[in-house]
N, C-alpha and C. Protein backbone atom coordinates (compact mmCIF):
# COMPACT_ATOMS: atom_id res chain seq x y z
N UNK A 1 17.27 -39.69 26.91
CA UNK A 1 17.22 -39.47 25.47
C UNK A 1 16.56 -38.13 25.20
N UNK A 2 17.19 -37.32 24.36
CA UNK A 2 16.64 -36.00 24.06
C UNK A 2 15.58 -36.09 22.96
N UNK A 3 14.68 -35.12 23.01
CA UNK A 3 13.61 -35.07 22.00
C UNK A 3 14.20 -34.70 20.65
N UNK A 4 13.63 -35.26 19.61
CA UNK A 4 14.07 -34.98 18.25
C UNK A 4 13.19 -33.94 17.59
N UNK A 5 12.44 -33.18 18.40
CA UNK A 5 11.59 -32.13 17.86
C UNK A 5 11.47 -31.01 18.89
N UNK A 6 11.04 -29.87 18.40
CA UNK A 6 10.82 -28.71 19.26
C UNK A 6 9.54 -28.03 18.83
N UNK A 7 8.58 -27.93 19.72
CA UNK A 7 7.32 -27.26 19.44
C UNK A 7 7.43 -25.82 19.92
N UNK A 8 7.07 -24.88 19.07
CA UNK A 8 7.14 -23.47 19.43
C UNK A 8 5.74 -22.98 19.80
N UNK A 9 5.55 -22.72 21.08
CA UNK A 9 4.25 -22.24 21.56
C UNK A 9 4.28 -20.77 21.93
N UNK A 10 5.46 -20.19 22.01
CA UNK A 10 5.56 -18.78 22.38
C UNK A 10 6.62 -18.08 21.52
N UNK A 11 6.26 -17.77 20.27
CA UNK A 11 7.22 -17.10 19.39
C UNK A 11 7.62 -15.74 19.95
N UNK A 12 8.77 -15.27 19.52
CA UNK A 12 9.26 -13.95 19.91
C UNK A 12 8.50 -12.89 19.12
N UNK A 13 7.88 -11.95 19.81
CA UNK A 13 7.17 -10.84 19.15
C UNK A 13 8.18 -9.72 18.96
N UNK A 14 8.51 -9.43 17.71
CA UNK A 14 9.50 -8.41 17.40
C UNK A 14 8.86 -7.03 17.61
N UNK A 15 9.48 -6.18 18.41
CA UNK A 15 8.92 -4.83 18.62
C UNK A 15 8.95 -4.03 17.32
N UNK A 16 7.83 -3.43 16.96
CA UNK A 16 7.76 -2.59 15.75
C UNK A 16 7.10 -1.27 16.09
N UNK A 17 7.29 -0.29 15.23
CA UNK A 17 6.66 1.02 15.42
C UNK A 17 5.72 1.36 14.26
N UNK A 18 5.53 0.39 13.34
CA UNK A 18 4.74 0.66 12.13
C UNK A 18 3.44 -0.14 12.06
N UNK A 19 3.05 -0.78 13.17
CA UNK A 19 1.79 -1.53 13.20
C UNK A 19 1.89 -2.94 12.67
N UNK A 20 3.06 -3.35 12.21
CA UNK A 20 3.24 -4.69 11.66
C UNK A 20 3.46 -5.69 12.79
N UNK A 21 2.78 -6.84 12.72
CA UNK A 21 2.99 -7.92 13.67
C UNK A 21 4.03 -8.87 13.11
N UNK A 22 5.08 -9.13 13.90
CA UNK A 22 6.12 -10.08 13.51
C UNK A 22 6.28 -11.07 14.66
N UNK A 23 5.96 -12.34 14.39
CA UNK A 23 6.14 -13.41 15.36
C UNK A 23 7.20 -14.36 14.83
N UNK A 24 8.40 -14.29 15.41
CA UNK A 24 9.46 -15.20 14.98
C UNK A 24 9.30 -16.53 15.72
N UNK A 25 9.07 -17.59 14.97
CA UNK A 25 8.91 -18.93 15.56
C UNK A 25 10.25 -19.62 15.76
N UNK A 26 11.13 -19.47 14.79
CA UNK A 26 12.48 -20.01 14.89
C UNK A 26 13.43 -19.00 14.26
N UNK A 27 14.60 -18.84 14.85
CA UNK A 27 15.57 -17.88 14.34
C UNK A 27 16.44 -17.33 15.45
N UNK A 28 17.18 -16.30 15.14
CA UNK A 28 18.14 -15.73 16.08
C UNK A 28 17.50 -15.25 17.38
N UNK A 29 16.36 -14.57 17.29
CA UNK A 29 15.73 -14.00 18.49
C UNK A 29 15.07 -15.07 19.36
N UNK A 30 14.65 -16.18 18.75
CA UNK A 30 13.88 -17.20 19.47
C UNK A 30 14.75 -18.31 20.03
N UNK A 31 15.51 -18.96 19.16
CA UNK A 31 16.31 -20.11 19.62
C UNK A 31 17.77 -20.02 19.17
N UNK A 32 18.21 -18.80 18.80
CA UNK A 32 19.60 -18.52 18.40
C UNK A 32 20.04 -19.35 17.20
N UNK A 33 19.07 -19.74 16.35
CA UNK A 33 19.38 -20.49 15.14
C UNK A 33 19.82 -19.50 14.07
N UNK A 34 21.07 -19.60 13.64
CA UNK A 34 21.57 -18.68 12.61
C UNK A 34 21.38 -19.21 11.20
N UNK A 35 20.92 -20.46 11.07
CA UNK A 35 20.77 -21.09 9.76
C UNK A 35 19.48 -20.72 9.05
N UNK A 36 18.40 -20.52 9.83
CA UNK A 36 17.08 -20.27 9.24
C UNK A 36 16.24 -19.45 10.22
N UNK A 37 15.39 -18.61 9.67
CA UNK A 37 14.37 -17.98 10.52
C UNK A 37 13.02 -18.17 9.84
N UNK A 38 12.01 -18.41 10.68
CA UNK A 38 10.64 -18.59 10.21
C UNK A 38 9.76 -17.65 11.02
N UNK A 39 9.04 -16.78 10.32
CA UNK A 39 8.21 -15.79 11.01
C UNK A 39 6.83 -15.71 10.38
N UNK A 40 5.84 -15.49 11.24
CA UNK A 40 4.46 -15.22 10.84
C UNK A 40 4.28 -13.72 10.96
N UNK A 41 3.73 -13.09 9.91
CA UNK A 41 3.61 -11.64 9.91
C UNK A 41 2.24 -11.20 9.44
N UNK A 42 1.82 -10.05 9.96
CA UNK A 42 0.61 -9.38 9.47
C UNK A 42 0.98 -7.92 9.24
N UNK A 43 0.96 -7.53 7.96
CA UNK A 43 1.24 -6.15 7.58
C UNK A 43 -0.08 -5.40 7.46
N UNK A 44 -0.21 -4.28 8.19
CA UNK A 44 -1.47 -3.53 8.14
C UNK A 44 -1.65 -2.84 6.79
N UNK A 45 -2.86 -2.40 6.48
CA UNK A 45 -3.09 -1.64 5.25
C UNK A 45 -2.16 -0.43 5.17
N UNK A 46 -1.67 -0.15 3.99
CA UNK A 46 -0.84 1.03 3.68
C UNK A 46 0.52 1.01 4.38
N UNK A 47 1.00 -0.17 4.75
CA UNK A 47 2.31 -0.33 5.37
C UNK A 47 3.39 -0.47 4.30
N UNK A 48 4.58 0.00 4.60
CA UNK A 48 5.74 -0.26 3.73
C UNK A 48 7.02 -0.17 4.54
N UNK A 49 8.07 -0.76 4.00
CA UNK A 49 9.41 -0.71 4.60
C UNK A 49 10.34 0.01 3.63
N UNK A 50 11.48 0.50 4.13
CA UNK A 50 12.48 1.07 3.21
C UNK A 50 13.03 -0.02 2.28
N UNK A 51 13.62 0.41 1.18
CA UNK A 51 14.32 -0.55 0.33
C UNK A 51 15.44 -1.20 1.14
N UNK A 52 15.76 -2.45 0.80
CA UNK A 52 16.81 -3.18 1.48
C UNK A 52 17.49 -4.12 0.50
N UNK A 53 18.70 -4.56 0.87
CA UNK A 53 19.46 -5.52 0.06
C UNK A 53 20.01 -6.58 1.01
N UNK A 54 19.19 -7.57 1.37
CA UNK A 54 19.58 -8.54 2.39
C UNK A 54 20.68 -9.51 1.95
N UNK A 55 21.40 -10.01 2.95
CA UNK A 55 22.43 -11.04 2.73
C UNK A 55 21.86 -12.44 2.90
N UNK A 56 20.53 -12.60 2.74
CA UNK A 56 19.91 -13.91 2.89
C UNK A 56 18.85 -14.09 1.82
N UNK A 57 18.59 -15.34 1.45
CA UNK A 57 17.46 -15.66 0.58
C UNK A 57 16.20 -15.52 1.43
N UNK A 58 15.13 -14.99 0.84
CA UNK A 58 13.88 -14.87 1.58
C UNK A 58 12.73 -15.48 0.77
N UNK A 59 12.00 -16.36 1.44
CA UNK A 59 10.83 -17.01 0.86
C UNK A 59 9.61 -16.41 1.56
N UNK A 60 8.59 -16.05 0.78
CA UNK A 60 7.36 -15.49 1.34
C UNK A 60 6.18 -16.27 0.81
N UNK A 61 5.27 -16.66 1.72
CA UNK A 61 4.03 -17.34 1.35
C UNK A 61 2.87 -16.48 1.86
N UNK A 62 1.99 -16.07 0.95
CA UNK A 62 0.86 -15.21 1.32
C UNK A 62 -0.30 -16.09 1.80
N UNK A 63 -0.72 -15.87 3.04
CA UNK A 63 -1.84 -16.61 3.62
C UNK A 63 -3.16 -15.92 3.29
N UNK A 64 -3.16 -14.57 3.45
CA UNK A 64 -4.40 -13.81 3.26
C UNK A 64 -4.02 -12.40 2.82
N UNK A 65 -4.80 -11.85 1.91
CA UNK A 65 -4.55 -10.49 1.43
C UNK A 65 -3.58 -10.46 0.26
N UNK A 66 -2.98 -9.29 0.04
CA UNK A 66 -2.04 -9.08 -1.06
C UNK A 66 -0.82 -8.35 -0.52
N UNK A 67 0.33 -8.58 -1.16
CA UNK A 67 1.57 -7.91 -0.78
C UNK A 67 2.30 -7.48 -2.04
N UNK A 68 2.84 -6.28 -1.98
CA UNK A 68 3.58 -5.73 -3.12
C UNK A 68 5.08 -5.85 -2.87
N UNK A 69 5.81 -6.25 -3.92
CA UNK A 69 7.26 -6.36 -3.90
C UNK A 69 7.78 -5.48 -5.03
N UNK A 70 8.78 -4.65 -4.77
CA UNK A 70 9.50 -3.98 -5.85
C UNK A 70 10.89 -4.57 -5.84
N UNK A 71 11.19 -5.36 -6.86
CA UNK A 71 12.43 -6.12 -6.94
C UNK A 71 13.24 -5.62 -8.13
N UNK A 72 14.38 -5.01 -7.83
CA UNK A 72 15.22 -4.42 -8.89
C UNK A 72 14.38 -3.57 -9.85
N UNK A 73 13.45 -2.78 -9.29
CA UNK A 73 12.65 -1.85 -10.08
C UNK A 73 11.37 -2.44 -10.66
N UNK A 74 11.17 -3.75 -10.56
CA UNK A 74 9.96 -4.40 -11.09
C UNK A 74 8.93 -4.56 -9.98
N UNK A 75 7.68 -4.11 -10.23
CA UNK A 75 6.61 -4.24 -9.25
C UNK A 75 5.89 -5.56 -9.43
N UNK A 76 5.80 -6.34 -8.35
CA UNK A 76 5.13 -7.64 -8.36
C UNK A 76 4.12 -7.65 -7.22
N UNK A 77 2.92 -8.15 -7.49
CA UNK A 77 1.89 -8.26 -6.45
C UNK A 77 1.52 -9.73 -6.31
N UNK A 78 1.65 -10.24 -5.08
CA UNK A 78 1.26 -11.62 -4.80
C UNK A 78 -0.04 -11.62 -4.01
N UNK A 79 -0.84 -12.65 -4.23
CA UNK A 79 -2.12 -12.80 -3.54
C UNK A 79 -2.13 -14.09 -2.74
N UNK A 80 -3.16 -14.27 -1.95
CA UNK A 80 -3.35 -15.45 -1.11
C UNK A 80 -3.06 -16.73 -1.89
N UNK A 81 -2.24 -17.61 -1.29
CA UNK A 81 -1.91 -18.89 -1.91
C UNK A 81 -0.69 -18.86 -2.81
N UNK A 82 -0.12 -17.68 -3.04
CA UNK A 82 1.06 -17.57 -3.89
C UNK A 82 2.31 -17.40 -3.02
N UNK A 83 3.46 -17.73 -3.60
CA UNK A 83 4.72 -17.61 -2.88
C UNK A 83 5.82 -17.13 -3.81
N UNK A 84 6.93 -16.69 -3.21
CA UNK A 84 8.05 -16.17 -3.98
C UNK A 84 9.34 -16.45 -3.24
N UNK A 85 10.41 -16.67 -4.00
CA UNK A 85 11.77 -16.73 -3.43
C UNK A 85 12.53 -15.55 -4.01
N UNK A 86 13.16 -14.78 -3.12
CA UNK A 86 13.98 -13.65 -3.54
C UNK A 86 15.41 -13.94 -3.11
N UNK A 87 16.31 -13.95 -4.08
CA UNK A 87 17.70 -14.31 -3.80
C UNK A 87 18.41 -13.21 -3.03
N UNK A 88 19.38 -13.63 -2.21
CA UNK A 88 20.16 -12.68 -1.42
C UNK A 88 20.85 -11.68 -2.33
N UNK A 89 21.18 -10.53 -1.76
CA UNK A 89 21.86 -9.43 -2.47
C UNK A 89 21.00 -8.86 -3.60
N UNK A 90 19.68 -8.93 -3.43
CA UNK A 90 18.73 -8.33 -4.37
C UNK A 90 18.09 -7.13 -3.70
N UNK A 91 18.05 -5.98 -4.39
CA UNK A 91 17.42 -4.78 -3.83
C UNK A 91 15.91 -4.92 -3.92
N UNK A 92 15.24 -4.75 -2.78
CA UNK A 92 13.80 -5.01 -2.70
C UNK A 92 13.13 -4.05 -1.73
N UNK A 93 11.87 -3.78 -2.02
CA UNK A 93 11.01 -3.08 -1.06
C UNK A 93 9.74 -3.90 -0.88
N UNK A 94 9.35 -4.10 0.37
CA UNK A 94 8.11 -4.79 0.72
C UNK A 94 7.07 -3.75 1.11
N UNK A 95 5.81 -3.95 0.66
CA UNK A 95 4.76 -2.99 1.00
C UNK A 95 3.39 -3.66 0.92
N UNK A 96 2.44 -3.05 1.63
CA UNK A 96 1.03 -3.42 1.53
C UNK A 96 0.25 -2.13 1.27
N UNK A 97 0.17 -1.69 0.00
CA UNK A 97 -0.52 -0.44 -0.31
C UNK A 97 -2.03 -0.63 -0.48
N UNK A 98 -2.55 -1.72 0.05
CA UNK A 98 -3.95 -2.09 -0.18
C UNK A 98 -4.82 -1.79 1.04
N UNK A 99 -6.14 -1.95 0.88
CA UNK A 99 -7.12 -1.59 1.90
C UNK A 99 -7.23 -2.57 3.06
N UNK A 100 -6.71 -3.80 2.91
CA UNK A 100 -6.84 -4.78 3.98
C UNK A 100 -5.46 -5.35 4.36
N UNK A 101 -5.39 -5.92 5.55
CA UNK A 101 -4.13 -6.47 6.06
C UNK A 101 -3.66 -7.64 5.19
N UNK A 102 -2.36 -7.87 5.22
CA UNK A 102 -1.76 -9.01 4.52
C UNK A 102 -1.09 -9.91 5.56
N UNK A 103 -1.53 -11.17 5.60
CA UNK A 103 -0.94 -12.15 6.51
C UNK A 103 -0.06 -13.08 5.69
N UNK A 104 1.16 -13.31 6.17
CA UNK A 104 2.08 -14.15 5.40
C UNK A 104 3.14 -14.79 6.29
N UNK A 105 3.82 -15.78 5.72
CA UNK A 105 4.96 -16.42 6.35
C UNK A 105 6.21 -16.01 5.61
N UNK A 106 7.28 -15.80 6.38
CA UNK A 106 8.57 -15.45 5.79
C UNK A 106 9.62 -16.41 6.33
N UNK A 107 10.42 -16.96 5.42
CA UNK A 107 11.51 -17.86 5.78
C UNK A 107 12.79 -17.26 5.19
N UNK A 108 13.80 -17.08 6.06
CA UNK A 108 15.07 -16.51 5.62
C UNK A 108 16.18 -17.53 5.82
N UNK A 109 17.02 -17.68 4.79
CA UNK A 109 18.19 -18.57 4.81
C UNK A 109 19.42 -17.79 4.40
N UNK A 110 20.45 -17.63 5.24
CA UNK A 110 20.43 -17.92 6.67
C UNK A 110 19.45 -17.00 7.40
N UNK A 111 19.41 -17.11 8.71
CA UNK A 111 18.41 -16.40 9.50
C UNK A 111 18.49 -14.88 9.35
N UNK A 112 17.33 -14.24 9.48
CA UNK A 112 17.23 -12.78 9.47
C UNK A 112 18.01 -12.20 10.64
N UNK A 113 18.78 -11.16 10.37
CA UNK A 113 19.35 -10.31 11.42
C UNK A 113 19.29 -8.87 10.92
N UNK A 114 19.22 -7.93 11.85
CA UNK A 114 19.22 -6.51 11.46
C UNK A 114 20.53 -6.15 10.76
N UNK A 115 21.63 -6.81 11.14
CA UNK A 115 22.93 -6.53 10.53
C UNK A 115 22.99 -7.01 9.08
N UNK A 116 22.21 -8.03 8.74
CA UNK A 116 22.27 -8.62 7.40
C UNK A 116 21.20 -8.09 6.44
N UNK A 117 20.23 -7.30 6.93
CA UNK A 117 19.13 -6.87 6.06
C UNK A 117 19.48 -5.65 5.22
N UNK A 118 20.34 -4.78 5.73
CA UNK A 118 20.80 -3.59 5.00
C UNK A 118 19.66 -2.71 4.48
N UNK A 119 18.81 -2.25 5.40
CA UNK A 119 17.74 -1.32 5.02
C UNK A 119 18.33 0.04 4.74
N UNK A 120 17.86 0.66 3.67
CA UNK A 120 18.36 1.98 3.29
C UNK A 120 17.87 3.04 4.27
N UNK A 121 18.77 3.94 4.64
CA UNK A 121 18.40 5.01 5.56
C UNK A 121 18.48 4.62 7.02
N UNK A 122 18.91 3.40 7.31
CA UNK A 122 19.03 2.97 8.73
C UNK A 122 20.46 2.71 9.08
């Protein structure tokens, strides 16, 4: 009889060049799940990404610190304990323009892929 659960003890550490920690617990890089990705992230102070228009819904839950979102030109700042859902095909920029790191969880439906994120300039 097969197990009806899977414990993730060794998430995939996504290589980055901007100081951001990305630990994918479930998703394409970890268990080839194309339906959902779940990642734990720590964005360093003064970090930002290019604008993007993903083909997936993204849910973000802030564990510690603050994170800035620019969504269709509107600036939103979330703090510890707050969460947001951003619908697919929405132009967004993620950033941490603050003095301390931001720790958060990100869930993408369907799963995050570089082909589906559509970062500008890449």
